Amino acid sequence: MKPNISTETQQEALAAAKATQRPGQTKEQTKFIAQGIEKGIAEYKKLQKAKARERDKFRKQQLKTKSRPTVEGEDSDTFTEHLESQGQFTSATWVAIALLLLSWIGFAAYYWMATPATGG
């Protein structure tokens, strides 16, 4: 069963194959290259559709969990788990968070040290 490939995709693939055509390359070879490019484009579109379905599914799941009463903190846990599974929390993110906390602690220490003590 051959996947349905749009004429636009076929034209794009043929244009790309002709653009990279080597001297002495036959029309048949160019046609095979174009078919390979078509398959690559079709596979890419298929993957993008699957990713879009996953995002939509997750968004709907989040909307569903927010609409029903939940235990405090459950939504943030699932959201954090999703972000971690997507690789959103990298080591650079954790370093930035740690630096932010250290700066707040430093500011608080500076503020309390600089404020004159009022003796009673």
PDB file of N, CA and C in Angstrom:
ATOM      1  N   MET A   1       0.845  -1.186   0.000  1.00  0.00           N
ATOM      2  CA  MET A   1       0.000   0.000   0.000  1.00  0.00           C
ATOM      3  C   MET A   1       0.884   1.241   0.000  1.00  0.00           C
ATOM      4  N   LYS A   2       0.717   2.051  -1.005  1.00  0.00           N
ATOM      5  CA  LYS A   2       1.528   3.256  -1.154  1.00  0.00           C
ATOM      6  C   LYS A   2       0.867   4.413  -0.405  1.00  0.00           C
ATOM      7  N   PRO A   3       1.642   5.145   0.416  1.00  0.00           N
ATOM      8  CA  PRO A   3       1.042   6.261   1.148  1.00  0.00           C
ATOM      9  C   PRO A   3       0.627   7.368   0.179  1.00  0.00           C
ATOM     10  N   ASN A   4      -0.444   8.078   0.539  1.00  0.00           N
ATOM     11  CA  ASN A   4      -0.915   9.176  -0.291  1.00  0.00           C
ATOM     12  C   ASN A   4       0.027  10.357  -0.130  1.00  0.00           C
ATOM     13  N   ILE A   5       0.694  10.691  -1.213  1.00  0.00           N
ATOM     14  CA  ILE A   5       1.627  11.816  -1.191  1.00  0.00           C
ATOM     15  C   ILE A   5       1.049  12.892  -2.089  1.00  0.00           C
ATOM     16  N   SER A   6       0.931  14.090  -1.572  1.00  0.00           N
ATOM     17  CA  SER A   6       0.318  15.176  -2.325  1.00  0.00           C
ATOM     18  C   SER A   6       1.195  15.564  -3.515  1.00  0.00           C
ATOM     19  N   THR A   7       0.545  16.153  -4.521  1.00  0.00           N
ATOM     20  CA  THR A   7       1.302  16.588  -5.709  1.00  0.00           C
ATOM     21  C   THR A   7       2.276  17.694  -5.334  1.00  0.00           C
ATOM     22  N   GLU A   8       1.907  18.501  -4.342  1.00  0.00           N
ATOM     23  CA  GLU A   8       2.811  19.569  -3.885  1.00  0.00           C
ATOM     24  C   GLU A   8       4.101  18.972  -3.319  1.00  0.00           C
ATOM     25  N   THR A   9       3.952  17.913  -2.519  1.00  0.00           N
ATOM     26  CA  THR A   9       5.117  17.240  -1.948  1.00  0.00           C
ATOM     27  C   THR A   9       5.962  16.618  -3.057  1.00  0.00           C
ATOM     28  N   GLN A  10       5.294  16.013  -4.043  1.00  0.00           N
ATOM     29  CA  GLN A  10       6.018  15.415  -5.158  1.00  0.00           C
ATOM     30  C   GLN A  10       6.810  16.471  -5.926  1.00  0.00           C
ATOM     31  N   GLN A  11       6.187  17.627  -6.127  1.00  0.00           N
ATOM     32  CA  GLN A  11       6.867  18.709  -6.850  1.00  0.00           C
ATOM     33  C   GLN A  11       8.057  19.229  -6.052  1.00  0.00           C
ATOM     34  N   GLU A  12       7.877  19.374  -4.744  1.00  0.00           N
ATOM     35  CA  GLU A  12       8.983  19.830  -3.894  1.00  0.00           C
ATOM     36  C   GLU A  12      10.136  18.835  -3.926  1.00  0.00           C
ATOM     37  N   ALA A  13       9.799  17.561  -3.865  1.00  0.00           N
ATOM     38  CA  ALA A  13      10.824  16.520  -3.879  1.00  0.00           C
ATOM     39  C   ALA A  13      11.561  16.502  -5.209  1.00  0.00           C
ATOM     40  N   LEU A  14      10.827  16.636  -6.306  1.00  0.00           N
ATOM     41  CA  LEU A  14      11.462  16.648  -7.622  1.00  0.00           C
ATOM     42  C   LEU A  14      12.352  17.872  -7.780  1.00  0.00           C
ATOM     43  N   ALA A  15      11.899  19.021  -7.285  1.00  0.00           N
ATOM     44  CA  ALA A  15      12.709  20.235  -7.353  1.00  0.00           C
ATOM     45  C   ALA A  15      13.991  20.070  -6.539  1.00  0.00           C
ATOM     46  N   ALA A  16      13.885  19.459  -5.358  1.00  0.00           N
ATOM     47  CA  ALA A  16      15.071  19.234  -4.527  1.00  0.00           C
ATOM     48  C   ALA A  16      16.020  18.246  -5.197  1.00  0.00           C
ATOM     49  N   ALA A  17      15.454  17.211  -5.825  1.00  0.00           N
ATOM     50  CA  ALA A  17      16.293  16.225  -6.509  1.00  0.00           C
ATOM     51  C   ALA A  17      17.006  16.858  -7.697  1.00  0.00           C
ATOM     52  N   LYS A  18      16.313  17.707  -8.437  1.00  0.00           N
ATOM     53  CA  LYS A  18      16.941  18.381  -9.589  1.00  0.00           C
ATOM     54  C   LYS A  18      17.994  19.383  -9.129  1.00  0.00           C
ATOM     55  N   ALA A  19      17.754  20.003  -7.981  1.00  0.00           N
ATOM     56  CA  ALA A  19      18.703  20.995  -7.474  1.00  0.00           C
ATOM     57  C   ALA A  19      20.011  20.336  -7.058  1.00  0.00           C
ATOM     58  N   THR A  20      19.953  19.082  -6.634  1.00  0.00           N
ATOM     59  CA  THR A  20      21.163  18.388  -6.189  1.00  0.00           C
ATOM     60  C   THR A  20      21.673  17.396  -7.233  1.00  0.00           C
ATOM     61  N   GLN A  21      21.141  17.507  -8.445  1.00  0.00           N
ATOM     62  CA  GLN A  21      21.511  16.574  -9.514  1.00  0.00           C
ATOM     63  C   GLN A  21      22.984  16.732  -9.885  1.00  0.00           C
ATOM     64  N   ARG A  22      23.654  15.609 -10.055  1.00  0.00           N
ATOM     65  CA  ARG A  22      25.071  15.577 -10.419  1.00  0.00           C
ATOM     66  C   ARG A  22      25.210  15.519 -11.945  1.00  0.00           C
ATOM     67  N   PRO A  23      26.330  16.002 -12.458  1.00  0.00           N
ATOM     68  CA  PRO A  23      26.554  15.866 -13.911  1.00  0.00           C
ATOM     69  C   PRO A  23      26.617  14.385 -14.295  1.00  0.00           C
ATOM     70  N   GLY A  24      25.956  14.030 -15.391  1.00  0.00           N
ATOM     71  CA  GLY A  24      25.951  12.655 -15.859  1.00  0.00           C
ATOM     72  C   GLY A  24      24.897  11.790 -15.204  1.00  0.00           C
ATOM     73  N   GLN A  25      24.083  12.360 -14.320  1.00  0.00           N
ATOM     74  CA  GLN A  25      23.043  11.599 -13.630  1.00  0.00           C
ATOM     75  C   GLN A  25      21.851  11.438 -14.570  1.00  0.00           C
ATOM     76  N   THR A  26      21.317  10.230 -14.677  1.00  0.00           N
ATOM     77  CA  THR A  26      20.195   9.983 -15.578  1.00  0.00           C
ATOM     78  C   THR A  26      18.886  10.458 -14.960  1.00  0.00           C
ATOM     79  N   LYS A  27      17.862  10.578 -15.830  1.00  0.00           N
ATOM     80  CA  LYS A  27      16.541  10.987 -15.342  1.00  0.00           C
ATOM     81  C   LYS A  27      15.974   9.949 -14.379  1.00  0.00           C
ATOM     82  N   GLU A  28      16.275   8.689 -14.645  1.00  0.00           N
ATOM     83  CA  GLU A  28      15.790   7.614 -13.784  1.00  0.00           C
ATOM     84  C   GLU A  28      16.397   7.726 -12.388  1.00  0.00           C
ATOM     85  N   GLN A  29      17.679   8.024 -12.311  1.00  0.00           N
ATOM     86  CA  GLN A  29      18.339   8.196 -11.016  1.00  0.00           C
ATOM     87  C   GLN A  29      17.747   9.388 -10.272  1.00  0.00           C
ATOM     88  N   THR A  30      17.510  10.470 -11.005  1.00  0.00           N
ATOM     89  CA  THR A  30      16.901  11.654 -10.391  1.00  0.00           C
ATOM     90  C   THR A  30      15.506  11.321  -9.873  1.00  0.00           C
ATOM     91  N   LYS A  31      14.771  10.497 -10.640  1.00  0.00           N
ATOM     92  CA  LYS A  31      13.420  10.096 -10.219  1.00  0.00           C
ATOM     93  C   LYS A  31      13.485   9.283  -8.926  1.00  0.00           C
ATOM     94  N   PHE A  32      14.457   8.368  -8.831  1.00  0.00           N
ATOM     95  CA  PHE A  32      14.613   7.575  -7.609  1.00  0.00           C
ATOM     96  C   PHE A  32      14.969   8.461  -6.416  1.00  0.00           C
ATOM     97  N   ILE A  33      15.814   9.429  -6.642  1.00  0.00           N
ATOM     98  CA  ILE A  33      16.177  10.356  -5.561  1.00  0.00           C
ATOM     99  C   ILE A  33      14.941  11.136  -5.127  1.00  0.00           C
ATOM    100  N   ALA A  34      14.145  11.584  -6.100  1.00  0.00           N
ATOM    101  CA  ALA A  34      12.922  12.327  -5.780  1.00  0.00           C
ATOM    102  C   ALA A  34      11.965  11.467  -4.968  1.00  0.00           C
ATOM    103  N   GLN A  35      11.864  10.179  -5.310  1.00  0.00           N
ATOM    104  CA  GLN A  35      10.992   9.281  -4.552  1.00  0.00           C
ATOM    105  C   GLN A  35      11.488   9.123  -3.119  1.00  0.00           C
ATOM    106  N   GLY A  36      12.796   9.045  -2.954  1.00  0.00           N
ATOM    107  CA  GLY A  36      13.353   8.959  -1.606  1.00  0.00           C
ATOM    108  C   GLY A  36      13.062  10.208  -0.799  1.00  0.00           C
ATOM    109  N   ILE A  37      13.171  11.353  -1.454  1.00  0.00           N
ATOM    110  CA  ILE A  37      12.867  12.620  -0.774  1.00  0.00           C
ATOM    111  C   ILE A  37      11.389  12.671  -0.406  1.00  0.00           C
ATOM    112  N   GLU A  38      10.523  12.197  -1.316  1.00  0.00           N
ATOM    113  CA  GLU A  38       9.087  12.152  -1.027  1.00  0.00           C
ATOM    114  C   GLU A  38       8.810  11.313   0.211  1.00  0.00           C
ATOM    115  N   LYS A  39       9.454  10.154   0.281  1.00  0.00           N
ATOM    116  CA  LYS A  39       9.262   9.290   1.449  1.00  0.00           C
ATOM    117  C   LYS A  39       9.746   9.980   2.717  1.00  0.00           C
ATOM    118  N   GLY A  40      10.862  10.690   2.624  1.00  0.00           N
ATOM    119  CA  GLY A  40      11.374  11.413   3.784  1.00  0.00           C
ATOM    120  C   GLY A  40      10.421  12.502   4.237  1.00  0.00           C
ATOM    121  N   ILE A  41       9.880  13.237   3.284  1.00  0.00           N
ATOM    122  CA  ILE A  41       8.924  14.301   3.615  1.00  0.00           C
ATOM    123  C   ILE A  41       7.671  13.698   4.237  1.00  0.00           C
ATOM    124  N   ALA A  42       7.188  12.590   3.648  1.00  0.00           N
ATOM    125  CA  ALA A  42       5.988  11.936   4.187  1.00  0.00           C
ATOM    126  C   ALA A  42       6.238  11.450   5.612  1.00  0.00           C
ATOM    127  N   GLU A  43       7.410  10.872   5.858  1.00  0.00           N
ATOM    128  CA  GLU A  43       7.744  10.391   7.206  1.00  0.00           C
ATOM    129  C   GLU A  43       7.823  11.559   8.192  1.00  0.00           C
ATOM    130  N   TYR A  44       8.431  12.668   7.758  1.00  0.00           N
ATOM    131  CA  TYR A  44       8.534  13.853   8.609  1.00  0.00           C
ATOM    132  C   TYR A  44       7.146  14.370   8.965  1.00  0.00           C
ATOM    133  N   LYS A  45       6.272  14.476   7.968  1.00  0.00           N
ATOM    134  CA  LYS A  45       4.919  14.961   8.228  1.00  0.00           C
ATOM    135  C   LYS A  45       4.176  14.018   9.172  1.00  0.00           C
ATOM    136  N   LYS A  46       4.387  12.721   9.000  1.00  0.00           N
ATOM    137  CA  LYS A  46       3.752  11.734   9.864  1.00  0.00           C
ATOM    138  C   LYS A  46       4.201  11.910  11.312  1.00  0.00           C
ATOM    139  N   LEU A  47       5.507  12.114  11.509  1.00  0.00           N
ATOM    140  CA  LEU A  47       6.032  12.326  12.861  1.00  0.00           C
ATOM    141  C   LEU A  47       5.490  13.616  13.467  1.00  0.00           C
ATOM    142  N   GLN A  48       5.407  14.672  12.656  1.00  0.00           N
ATOM    143  CA  GLN A  48       4.893  15.940  13.165  1.00  0.00           C
ATOM    144  C   GLN A  48       3.426  15.818  13.571  1.00  0.00           C
ATOM    145  N   LYS A  49       2.653  15.069  12.793  1.00  0.00           N
ATOM    146  CA  LYS A  49       1.250  14.857  13.154  1.00  0.00           C
ATOM    147  C   LYS A  49       1.139  14.078  14.459  1.00  0.00           C
ATOM    148  N   ALA A  50       2.003  13.084  14.633  1.00  0.00           N
ATOM    149  CA  ALA A  50       1.985  12.296  15.865  1.00  0.00           C
ATOM    150  C   ALA A  50       2.349  13.168  17.063  1.00  0.00           C
ATOM    151  N   LYS A  51       3.346  14.032  16.901  1.00  0.00           N
ATOM    152  CA  LYS A  51       3.715  14.943  17.993  1.00  0.00           C
ATOM    153  C   LYS A  51       2.577  15.903  18.307  1.00  0.00           C
ATOM    154  N   ALA A  52       1.918  16.399  17.262  1.00  0.00           N
ATOM    155  CA  ALA A  52       0.797  17.322  17.476  1.00  0.00           C
ATOM    156  C   ALA A  52      -0.341  16.615  18.211  1.00  0.00           C
ATOM    157  N   ARG A  53      -0.591  15.352  17.867  1.00  0.00           N
ATOM    158  CA  ARG A  53      -1.631  14.583  18.575  1.00  0.00           C
ATOM    159  C   ARG A  53      -1.268  14.419  20.042  1.00  0.00           C
ATOM    160  N   GLU A  54       0.004  14.117  20.317  1.00  0.00           N
ATOM    161  CA  GLU A  54       0.453  13.956  21.703  1.00  0.00           C
ATOM    162  C   GLU A  54       0.282  15.256  22.492  1.00  0.00           C
ATOM    163  N   ARG A  55       0.675  16.386  21.874  1.00  0.00           N
ATOM    164  CA  ARG A  55       0.515  17.675  22.558  1.00  0.00           C
ATOM    165  C   ARG A  55      -0.952  17.970  22.822  1.00  0.00           C
ATOM    166  N   ASP A  56      -1.796  17.698  21.825  1.00  0.00           N
ATOM    167  CA  ASP A  56      -3.219  17.954  21.981  1.00  0.00           C
ATOM    168  C   ASP A  56      -3.818  17.046  23.051  1.00  0.00           C
ATOM    169  N   LYS A  57      -3.389  15.795  23.055  1.00  0.00           N
ATOM    170  CA  LYS A  57      -3.866  14.842  24.059  1.00  0.00           C
ATOM    171  C   LYS A  57      -3.469  15.308  25.462  1.00  0.00           C
ATOM    172  N   PHE A  58      -2.225  15.754  25.622  1.00  0.00           N
ATOM    173  CA  PHE A  58      -1.776  16.225  26.923  1.00  0.00           C
ATOM    174  C   PHE A  58      -2.535  17.483  27.343  1.00  0.00           C
ATOM    175  N   ARG A  59      -2.760  18.404  26.376  1.00  0.00           N
ATOM    176  CA  ARG A  59      -3.493  19.631  26.675  1.00  0.00           C
ATOM    177  C   ARG A  59      -4.918  19.304  27.122  1.00  0.00           C
ATOM    178  N   LYS A  60      -5.572  18.376  26.422  1.00  0.00           N
ATOM    179  CA  LYS A  60      -6.927  17.985  26.801  1.00  0.00           C
ATOM    180  C   LYS A  60      -6.939  17.315  28.167  1.00  0.00           C
ATOM    181  N   GLN A  61      -5.921  16.512  28.437  1.00  0.00           N
ATOM    182  CA  GLN A  61      -5.827  15.851  29.731  1.00  0.00           C
ATOM    183  C   GLN A  61      -5.663  16.894  30.835  1.00  0.00           C
ATOM    184  N   GLN A  62      -4.844  17.911  30.591  1.00  0.00           N
ATOM    185  CA  GLN A  62      -4.663  18.972  31.580  1.00  0.00           C
ATOM    186  C   GLN A  62      -5.957  19.741  31.805  1.00  0.00           C
ATOM    187  N   LEU A  63      -6.678  20.030  30.728  1.00  0.00           N
ATOM    188  CA  LEU A  63      -7.953  20.737  30.876  1.00  0.00           C
ATOM    189  C   LEU A  63      -8.949  19.889  31.655  1.00  0.00           C
ATOM    190  N   LYS A  64      -8.949  18.586  31.412  1.00  0.00           N
ATOM    191  CA  LYS A  64      -9.859  17.693  32.104  1.00  0.00           C
ATOM    192  C   LYS A  64      -9.535  17.629  33.600  1.00  0.00           C
ATOM    193  N   THR A  65      -8.229  17.550  33.929  1.00  0.00           N
ATOM    194  CA  THR A  65      -7.858  17.460  35.337  1.00  0.00           C
ATOM    195  C   THR A  65      -8.100  18.774  36.059  1.00  0.00           C
ATOM    196  N   LYS A  66      -8.007  19.884  35.354  1.00  0.00           N
ATOM    197  CA  LYS A  66      -8.273  21.171  35.997  1.00  0.00           C
ATOM    198  C   LYS A  66      -9.763  21.392  36.202  1.00  0.00           C
ATOM    199  N   SER A  67     -10.599  20.790  35.353  1.00  0.00           N
ATOM    200  CA  SER A  67     -12.034  21.000  35.474  1.00  0.00           C
ATOM    201  C   SER A  67     -12.641  20.171  36.602  1.00  0.00           C
ATOM    202  N   ARG A  68     -12.014  19.061  36.960  1.00  0.00           N
ATOM    203  CA  ARG A  68     -12.554  18.261  38.063  1.00  0.00           C
ATOM    204  C   ARG A  68     -11.796  18.595  39.349  1.00  0.00           C
ATOM    205  N   PRO A  69     -12.461  18.452  40.502  1.00  0.00           N
ATOM    206  CA  PRO A  69     -11.772  18.737  41.760  1.00  0.00           C
ATOM    207  C   PRO A  69     -10.634  17.737  41.974  1.00  0.00           C
ATOM    208  N   THR A  70      -9.475  18.266  42.350  1.00  0.00           N
ATOM    209  CA  THR A  70      -8.309  17.412  42.549  1.00  0.00           C
ATOM    210  C   THR A  70      -7.686  17.692  43.900  1.00  0.00           C
ATOM    211  N   VAL A  71      -6.811  16.805  44.291  1.00  0.00           N
ATOM    212  CA  VAL A  71      -6.044  16.979  45.514  1.00  0.00           C
ATOM    213  C   VAL A  71      -5.048  18.105  45.278  1.00  0.00           C
ATOM    214  N   GLU A  72      -4.798  18.924  46.266  1.00  0.00           N
ATOM    215  CA  GLU A  72      -3.869  20.055  46.153  1.00  0.00           C
ATOM    216  C   GLU A  72      -2.511  19.580  45.668  1.00  0.00           C
ATOM    217  N   GLY A  73      -2.013  20.201  44.619  1.00  0.00           N
ATOM    218  CA  GLY A  73      -0.674  19.905  44.124  1.00  0.00           C
ATOM    219  C   GLY A  73      -0.614  18.810  43.082  1.00  0.00           C
ATOM    220  N   GLU A  74      -1.698  18.140  42.793  1.00  0.00           N
ATOM    221  CA  GLU A  74      -1.681  17.048  41.815  1.00  0.00           C
ATOM    222  C   GLU A  74      -1.393  17.569  40.415  1.00  0.00           C
ATOM    223  N   ASP A  75      -2.015  18.713  40.058  1.00  0.00           N
ATOM    224  CA  ASP A  75      -1.802  19.278  38.727  1.00  0.00           C
ATOM    225  C   ASP A  75      -0.351  19.651  38.510  1.00  0.00           C
ATOM    226  N   SER A  76       0.251  20.294  39.494  1.00  0.00           N
ATOM    227  CA  SER A  76       1.635  20.724  39.318  1.00  0.00           C
ATOM    228  C   SER A  76       2.568  19.532  39.229  1.00  0.00           C
ATOM    229  N   ASP A  77       2.255  18.439  39.944  1.00  0.00           N
ATOM    230  CA  ASP A  77       3.082  17.244  39.859  1.00  0.00           C
ATOM    231  C   ASP A  77       3.038  16.638  38.467  1.00  0.00           C
ATOM    232  N   THR A  78       1.841  16.522  37.892  1.00  0.00           N
ATOM    233  CA  THR A  78       1.748  15.935  36.554  1.00  0.00           C
ATOM    234  C   THR A  78       2.395  16.849  35.527  1.00  0.00           C
ATOM    235  N   PHE A  79       2.252  18.155  35.693  1.00  0.00           N
ATOM    236  CA  PHE A  79       2.872  19.094  34.762  1.00  0.00           C
ATOM    237  C   PHE A  79       4.386  19.004  34.859  1.00  0.00           C
ATOM    238  N   THR A  80       4.915  18.934  36.074  1.00  0.00           N
ATOM    239  CA  THR A  80       6.361  18.809  36.262  1.00  0.00           C
ATOM    240  C   THR A  80       6.861  17.509  35.677  1.00  0.00           C
ATOM    241  N   GLU A  81       6.127  16.421  35.896  1.00  0.00           N
ATOM    242  CA  GLU A  81       6.524  15.137  35.328  1.00  0.00           C
ATOM    243  C   GLU A  81       6.548  15.194  33.814  1.00  0.00           C
ATOM    244  N   HIS A  82       5.560  15.877  33.228  1.00  0.00           N
ATOM    245  CA  HIS A  82       5.518  16.000  31.769  1.00  0.00           C
ATOM    246  C   HIS A  82       6.706  16.809  31.270  1.00  0.00           C
ATOM    247  N   LEU A  83       7.005  17.912  31.937  1.00  0.00           N
ATOM    248  CA  LEU A  83       8.136  18.727  31.512  1.00  0.00           C
ATOM    249  C   LEU A  83       9.441  17.959  31.632  1.00  0.00           C
ATOM    250  N   GLU A  84       9.597  17.199  32.715  1.00  0.00           N
ATOM    251  CA  GLU A  84      10.816  16.423  32.884  1.00  0.00           C
ATOM    252  C   GLU A  84      10.917  15.341  31.825  1.00  0.00           C
ATOM    253  N   SER A  85       9.788  14.738  31.464  1.00  0.00           N
ATOM    254  CA  SER A  85       9.826  13.713  30.427  1.00  0.00           C
ATOM    255  C   SER A  85      10.134  14.335  29.067  1.00  0.00           C
ATOM    256  N   GLN A  86       9.805  15.591  28.887  1.00  0.00           N
ATOM    257  CA  GLN A  86      10.112  16.277  27.640  1.00  0.00           C
ATOM    258  C   GLN A  86      11.511  16.873  27.648  1.00  0.00           C
ATOM    259  N   GLY A  87      12.226  16.755  28.774  1.00  0.00           N
ATOM    260  CA  GLY A  87      13.593  17.262  28.840  1.00  0.00           C
ATOM    261  C   GLY A  87      13.663  18.764  29.061  1.00  0.00           C
ATOM    262  N   GLN A  88      12.620  19.346  29.630  1.00  0.00           N
ATOM    263  CA  GLN A  88      12.586  20.788  29.811  1.00  0.00           C
ATOM    264  C   GLN A  88      13.463  21.243  30.972  1.00  0.00           C
ATOM    265  N   PHE A  89      13.632  20.389  31.991  1.00  0.00           N
ATOM    266  CA  PHE A  89      14.457  20.754  33.129  1.00  0.00           C
ATOM    267  C   PHE A  89      15.860  20.219  32.901  1.00  0.00           C
ATOM    268  N   THR A  90      16.725  21.065  32.396  1.00  0.00           N
ATOM    269  CA  THR A  90      18.102  20.661  32.158  1.00  0.00           C
ATOM    270  C   THR A  90      18.949  21.083  33.346  1.00  0.00           C
ATOM    271  N   SER A  91      20.211  20.704  33.330  1.00  0.00           N
ATOM    272  CA  SER A  91      21.093  21.090  34.428  1.00  0.00           C
ATOM    273  C   SER A  91      21.266  22.609  34.454  1.00  0.00           C
ATOM    274  N   ALA A  92      21.220  23.247  33.296  1.00  0.00           N
ATOM    275  CA  ALA A  92      21.325  24.709  33.256  1.00  0.00           C
ATOM    276  C   ALA A  92      20.148  25.363  33.973  1.00  0.00           C
ATOM    277  N   THR A  93      18.978  24.754  33.861  1.00  0.00           N
ATOM    278  CA  THR A  93      17.802  25.282  34.551  1.00  0.00           C
ATOM    279  C   THR A  93      17.998  25.199  36.058  1.00  0.00           C
ATOM    280  N   TRP A  94      18.491  24.064  36.524  1.00  0.00           N
ATOM    281  CA  TRP A  94      18.701  23.895  37.957  1.00  0.00           C
ATOM    282  C   TRP A  94      19.784  24.843  38.467  1.00  0.00           C
ATOM    283  N   VAL A  95      20.825  25.084  37.677  1.00  0.00           N
ATOM    284  CA  VAL A  95      21.874  26.029  38.074  1.00  0.00           C
ATOM    285  C   VAL A  95      21.276  27.432  38.188  1.00  0.00           C
ATOM    286  N   ALA A  96      20.441  27.814  37.240  1.00  0.00           N
ATOM    287  CA  ALA A  96      19.808  29.129  37.280  1.00  0.00           C
ATOM    288  C   ALA A  96      18.920  29.278  38.514  1.00  0.00           C
ATOM    289  N   ILE A  97      18.169  28.240  38.824  1.00  0.00           N
ATOM    290  CA  ILE A  97      17.308  28.282  40.016  1.00  0.00           C
ATOM    291  C   ILE A  97      18.165  28.408  41.273  1.00  0.00           C
ATOM    292  N   ALA A  98      19.250  27.659  41.356  1.00  0.00           N
ATOM    293  CA  ALA A  98      20.129  27.718  42.526  1.00  0.00           C
ATOM    294  C   ALA A  98      20.753  29.114  42.666  1.00  0.00           C
ATOM    295  N   LEU A  99      21.190  29.697  41.557  1.00  0.00           N
ATOM    296  CA  LEU A  99      21.768  31.045  41.615  1.00  0.00           C
ATOM    297  C   LEU A  99      20.732  32.073  42.049  1.00  0.00           C
ATOM    298  N   LEU A 100      19.518  31.918  41.579  1.00  0.00           N
ATOM    299  CA  LEU A 100      18.449  32.830  41.974  1.00  0.00           C
ATOM    300  C   LEU A 100      18.199  32.743  43.481  1.00  0.00           C
ATOM    301  N   LEU A 101      18.126  31.529  43.993  1.00  0.00           N
ATOM    302  CA  LEU A 101      17.916  31.356  45.439  1.00  0.00           C
ATOM    303  C   LEU A 101      19.084  31.930  46.242  1.00  0.00           C
ATOM    304  N   LEU A 102      20.299  31.691  45.786  1.00  0.00           N
ATOM    305  CA  LEU A 102      21.471  32.241  46.482  1.00  0.00           C
ATOM    306  C   LEU A 102      21.453  33.771  46.483  1.00  0.00           C
ATOM    307  N   SER A 103      21.040  34.363  45.362  1.00  0.00           N
ATOM    308  CA  SER A 103      20.995  35.824  45.323  1.00  0.00           C
ATOM    309  C   SER A 103      19.950  36.365  46.295  1.00  0.00           C
ATOM    310  N   TRP A 104      18.807  35.682  46.408  1.00  0.00           N
ATOM    311  CA  TRP A 104      17.786  36.115  47.366  1.00  0.00           C
ATOM    312  C   TRP A 104      18.310  36.003  48.801  1.00  0.00           C
ATOM    313  N   ILE A 105      18.978  34.902  49.079  1.00  0.00           N
ATOM    314  CA  ILE A 105      19.540  34.722  50.425  1.00  0.00           C
ATOM    315  C   ILE A 105      20.588  35.797  50.703  1.00  0.00           C
ATOM    316  N   GLY A 106      21.426  36.075  49.727  1.00  0.00           N
ATOM    317  CA  GLY A 106      22.445  37.118  49.886  1.00  0.00           C
ATOM    318  C   GLY A 106      21.819  38.491  50.099  1.00  0.00           C
ATOM    319  N   PHE A 107      20.759  38.799  49.344  1.00  0.00           N
ATOM    320  CA  PHE A 107      20.087  40.083  49.520  1.00  0.00           C
ATOM    321  C   PHE A 107      19.481  40.188  50.918  1.00  0.00           C
ATOM    322  N   ALA A 108      18.845  39.122  51.378  1.00  0.00           N
ATOM    323  CA  ALA A 108      18.240  39.139  52.709  1.00  0.00           C
ATOM    324  C   ALA A 108      19.310  39.326  53.782  1.00  0.00           C
ATOM    325  N   ALA A 109      20.444  38.630  53.646  1.00  0.00           N
ATOM    326  CA  ALA A 109      21.533  38.771  54.614  1.00  0.00           C
ATOM    327  C   ALA A 109      22.088  40.190  54.600  1.00  0.00           C
ATOM    328  N   TYR A 110      22.278  40.762  53.428  1.00  0.00           N
ATOM    329  CA  TYR A 110      22.776  42.127  53.305  1.00  0.00           C
ATOM    330  C   TYR A 110      21.793  43.113  53.942  1.00  0.00           C
ATOM    331  N   TYR A 111      20.511  42.920  53.693  1.00  0.00           N
ATOM    332  CA  TYR A 111      19.497  43.815  54.228  1.00  0.00           C
ATOM    333  C   TYR A 111      19.506  43.776  55.752  1.00  0.00           C
ATOM    334  N   TRP A 112      19.572  42.584  56.343  1.00  0.00           N
ATOM    335  CA  TRP A 112      19.544  42.480  57.799  1.00  0.00           C
ATOM    336  C   TRP A 112      20.843  42.964  58.424  1.00  0.00           C
ATOM    337  N   MET A 113      21.951  42.808  57.742  1.00  0.00           N
ATOM    338  CA  MET A 113      23.231  43.283  58.258  1.00  0.00           C
ATOM    339  C   MET A 113      23.335  44.809  58.166  1.00  0.00           C
ATOM    340  N   ALA A 114      22.769  45.402  57.142  1.00  0.00           N
ATOM    341  CA  ALA A 114      22.875  46.838  56.922  1.00  0.00           C
ATOM    342  C   ALA A 114      21.863  47.636  57.751  1.00  0.00           C
ATOM    343  N   THR A 115      20.824  46.991  58.196  1.00  0.00           N
ATOM    344  CA  THR A 115      19.808  47.681  58.980  1.00  0.00           C
ATOM    345  C   THR A 115      20.335  47.849  60.408  1.00  0.00           C
ATOM    346  N   PRO A 116      20.311  49.094  60.914  1.00  0.00           N
ATOM    347  CA  PRO A 116      20.818  49.303  62.281  1.00  0.00           C
ATOM    348  C   PRO A 116      19.902  48.598  63.298  1.00  0.00           C
ATOM    349  N   ALA A 117      20.552  47.973  64.227  1.00  0.00           N
ATOM    350  CA  ALA A 117      19.822  47.271  65.288  1.00  0.00           C
ATOM    351  C   ALA A 117      19.305  48.295  66.286  1.00  0.00           C
ATOM    352  N   THR A 118      18.083  48.198  66.643  1.00  0.00           N
ATOM    353  CA  THR A 118      17.515  49.103  67.648  1.00  0.00           C
ATOM    354  C   THR A 118      17.477  48.361  68.969  1.00  0.00           C
ATOM    355  N   GLY A 119      18.233  48.874  69.881  1.00  0.00           N
ATOM    356  CA  GLY A 119      18.319  48.232  71.198  1.00  0.00           C
ATOM    357  C   GLY A 119      17.164  48.653  72.076  1.00  0.00           C
ATOM    358  N   GLY A 120      16.740  47.778  72.906  1.00  0.00           N
ATOM    359  CA  GLY A 120      15.580  48.101  73.703  1.00  0.00           C
ATOM    360  C   GLY A 120      15.829  48.174  75.101  1.00  0.00           C
TER     361      GLY A 120
END
